[in-house]
């Protein structure tokens, strides 16, 4: 699925009222992940990823967080000029088509069933500021591949979610 097909819904403002759920890993994969991605709000995703980028921790069900990471991944990748090139130009620049690249990176992310890669914090940092860190899509793809090809995060117990400001 191309990032341009993901729709963003406006925030209801109620997401601050819900108590974050502490995730201890070990959740089963959700077959409706793509539907969840389509229902995500871009600002909500950014806020959640900012917490993980700052702390390295997460308080959402892993399948939900994985959907958020996938949403942001597709959004970020779509912002690069290669997304709008012809297939021939993409192959010359990337060694594969843009769609193949997006699919491959997304599949690598979704291969984590039990929990996130232990590089979750850096993965979130990259997805939140990709263009300034990696001006070239190929460099970004290599960095993301490196972050997603590592072992899953060990299950951790966290005392409480960070305080809201």
Protein backbone atom coordinates (compact mmCIF):
# COMPACT_ATOMS: atom_id res chain seq x y z
CA UNK A 1 0.00 0.00 0.00
CA UNK A 2 1.40 3.39 -0.91
CA UNK A 3 1.60 6.08 1.72
CA UNK A 4 -0.60 8.34 -0.36
CA UNK A 5 -3.46 5.88 0.12
CA UNK A 6 -3.30 6.22 3.90
CA UNK A 7 -5.86 8.72 5.08
CA UNK A 8 -5.45 10.97 8.07
CA UNK A 9 -8.42 11.68 10.27
CA UNK A 10 -8.68 14.84 12.30
CA UNK A 11 -8.00 14.47 15.99
CA UNK A 12 -10.98 14.31 18.27
CA UNK A 13 -9.02 15.70 21.18
CA UNK A 14 -10.06 12.71 23.30
CA UNK A 15 -6.79 10.85 22.99
CA UNK A 16 -5.40 12.70 26.05
CA UNK A 17 -8.26 11.39 28.18
CA UNK A 18 -7.45 7.72 27.67
CA UNK A 19 -4.98 6.10 30.05
CA UNK A 20 -1.96 4.64 28.21
CA UNK A 21 -1.75 0.86 28.33
CA UNK A 22 1.54 -0.61 29.48
CA UNK A 23 2.83 -3.22 27.05
CA UNK A 24 4.86 -6.14 28.25
CA UNK A 25 5.25 -7.72 24.78
CA UNK A 26 4.03 -11.16 23.80
CA UNK A 27 0.94 -9.99 21.95
CA UNK A 28 -0.34 -11.80 18.92
CA UNK A 29 -0.31 -10.19 15.49
CA UNK A 30 -3.50 -8.41 14.49
CA UNK A 31 -4.80 -9.34 11.02
CA UNK A 32 -6.57 -5.97 10.76
CA UNK A 33 -3.37 -3.92 11.03
CA UNK A 34 -3.85 -2.22 7.65
CA UNK A 35 -7.33 -1.04 8.67
CA UNK A 36 -5.87 0.37 11.91
CA UNK A 37 -3.22 2.24 9.92
CA UNK A 38 -5.89 3.91 7.82
CA UNK A 39 -7.69 5.12 10.96
CA UNK A 40 -4.62 6.69 12.55
CA UNK A 41 -4.28 10.40 13.13
CA UNK A 42 -0.92 11.82 12.04
CA UNK A 43 -0.57 14.13 15.05
CA UNK A 44 -1.43 11.32 17.49
CA UNK A 45 1.19 9.11 15.86
CA UNK A 46 3.82 11.85 16.15
CA UNK A 47 3.08 12.34 19.86
CA UNK A 48 3.37 8.63 20.61
CA UNK A 49 6.59 8.28 18.61
CA UNK A 50 8.04 11.37 20.31
CA UNK A 51 7.59 9.68 23.69
CA UNK A 52 9.33 6.52 22.47
CA UNK A 53 12.07 8.59 20.82
CA UNK A 54 12.68 10.44 24.09
CA UNK A 55 12.43 7.47 26.46
CA UNK A 56 12.97 4.30 24.43
CA UNK A 57 9.84 2.94 26.09
CA UNK A 58 6.31 2.29 24.90
CA UNK A 59 2.94 2.07 26.61
CA UNK A 60 0.77 0.83 23.76
CA UNK A 61 -0.10 -2.63 22.59
CA UNK A 62 2.75 -3.68 20.27
CA UNK A 63 0.38 -4.24 17.33
CA UNK A 64 -1.00 -0.71 17.75
CA UNK A 65 2.49 0.78 18.02
CA UNK A 66 3.59 -1.25 15.01
CA UNK A 67 0.67 0.22 13.04
CA UNK A 68 1.77 3.70 14.09
CA UNK A 69 5.37 3.01 13.04
CA UNK A 70 4.16 1.63 9.72
CA UNK A 71 1.95 4.67 9.15
CA UNK A 72 4.86 7.04 9.86
CA UNK A 73 7.25 4.95 7.75
CA UNK A 74 4.99 5.18 4.71
CA UNK A 75 4.39 8.88 5.28
CA UNK A 76 8.11 9.64 5.59
CA UNK A 77 9.08 7.55 2.55
CA UNK A 78 6.40 9.27 0.46
CA UNK A 79 8.02 12.66 1.13
CA UNK A 80 11.16 11.79 -0.84
CA UNK A 81 11.40 12.69 -4.54
CA UNK A 82 11.99 9.05 -5.51
CA UNK A 83 8.35 8.34 -4.63
CA UNK A 84 7.31 10.39 -7.68
CA UNK A 85 9.93 9.14 -10.14
CA UNK A 86 9.22 6.70 -12.92
CA UNK A 87 9.83 3.03 -12.22
CA UNK A 88 12.96 3.14 -14.39
CA UNK A 89 14.33 6.13 -12.47
CA UNK A 90 13.52 4.44 -9.16
CA UNK A 91 15.36 1.27 -10.21
CA UNK A 92 18.37 3.32 -11.28
CA UNK A 93 18.40 5.35 -8.06
CA UNK A 94 17.37 2.74 -5.49
CA UNK A 95 18.07 -0.60 -7.13
CA UNK A 96 14.37 -1.41 -6.79
CA UNK A 97 11.07 0.38 -7.25
CA UNK A 98 9.74 2.72 -4.59
CA UNK A 99 6.80 0.37 -3.99
CA UNK A 100 9.17 -2.60 -3.54
CA UNK A 101 11.23 -0.57 -1.06
CA UNK A 102 8.18 0.48 0.96
CA UNK A 103 6.84 -3.08 0.96
CA UNK A 104 10.18 -4.56 2.02
CA UNK A 105 10.74 -2.11 4.88
CA UNK A 106 7.16 -2.45 6.06
CA UNK A 107 7.40 -6.25 6.01
CA UNK A 108 10.62 -6.09 8.04
CA UNK A 109 8.85 -3.93 10.61
CA UNK A 110 5.86 -6.29 10.72
CA UNK A 111 8.15 -9.31 11.15
CA UNK A 112 8.49 -8.34 14.82
CA UNK A 113 5.66 -10.32 16.38
CA UNK A 114 6.47 -10.34 20.10
CA UNK A 115 7.68 -6.76 20.48
CA UNK A 116 9.67 -3.97 18.88
CA UNK A 117 13.32 -4.12 17.87
CA UNK A 118 15.60 -3.05 20.69
CA UNK A 119 16.46 -0.07 18.48
CA UNK A 120 12.92 1.30 18.90
CA UNK A 121 14.17 4.60 20.31
CA UNK A 122 16.46 5.30 17.35
CA UNK A 123 13.85 4.05 14.88
CA UNK A 124 11.38 6.61 16.27
CA UNK A 125 13.99 9.37 16.20
CA UNK A 126 14.69 8.65 12.53
CA UNK A 127 11.02 8.46 11.53
CA UNK A 128 10.29 11.77 13.23
CA UNK A 129 13.11 13.70 11.55
CA UNK A 130 14.12 11.61 8.54
CA UNK A 131 14.59 14.37 5.96
CA UNK A 132 17.08 16.34 8.03
CA UNK A 133 19.01 13.23 9.11
CA UNK A 134 18.99 11.45 5.74
CA UNK A 135 18.48 13.78 2.76
CA UNK A 136 18.74 10.80 0.36
CA UNK A 137 16.11 8.04 0.40
CA UNK A 138 18.66 5.30 -0.18
CA UNK A 139 20.59 6.32 2.97
CA UNK A 140 17.33 6.44 4.94
CA UNK A 141 16.36 2.99 3.66
CA UNK A 142 19.72 1.55 4.73
CA UNK A 143 19.40 3.11 8.19
CA UNK A 144 15.85 1.82 8.62
CA UNK A 145 16.84 -1.61 7.39
CA UNK A 146 19.64 -1.68 9.94
CA UNK A 147 17.21 -0.70 12.72
CA UNK A 148 14.60 -3.28 11.71
CA UNK A 149 16.92 -6.24 11.10
CA UNK A 150 17.87 -6.56 14.74
CA UNK A 151 16.44 -8.74 17.46
CA UNK A 152 13.24 -7.96 19.29
CA UNK A 153 13.28 -5.82 22.41
CA UNK A 154 13.43 -7.86 25.61
CA UNK A 155 10.25 -7.67 27.64
CA UNK A 156 10.57 -4.89 30.19
CA UNK A 157 8.51 -3.73 33.12
CA UNK A 158 7.98 0.00 33.34
CA UNK A 159 6.71 1.69 36.46
CA UNK A 160 4.39 4.19 34.83
CA UNK A 161 3.94 6.15 31.62
CA UNK A 162 5.54 9.59 31.41
CA UNK A 163 3.59 12.50 32.76
CA UNK A 164 1.56 14.50 30.27
CA UNK A 165 2.33 18.16 29.80
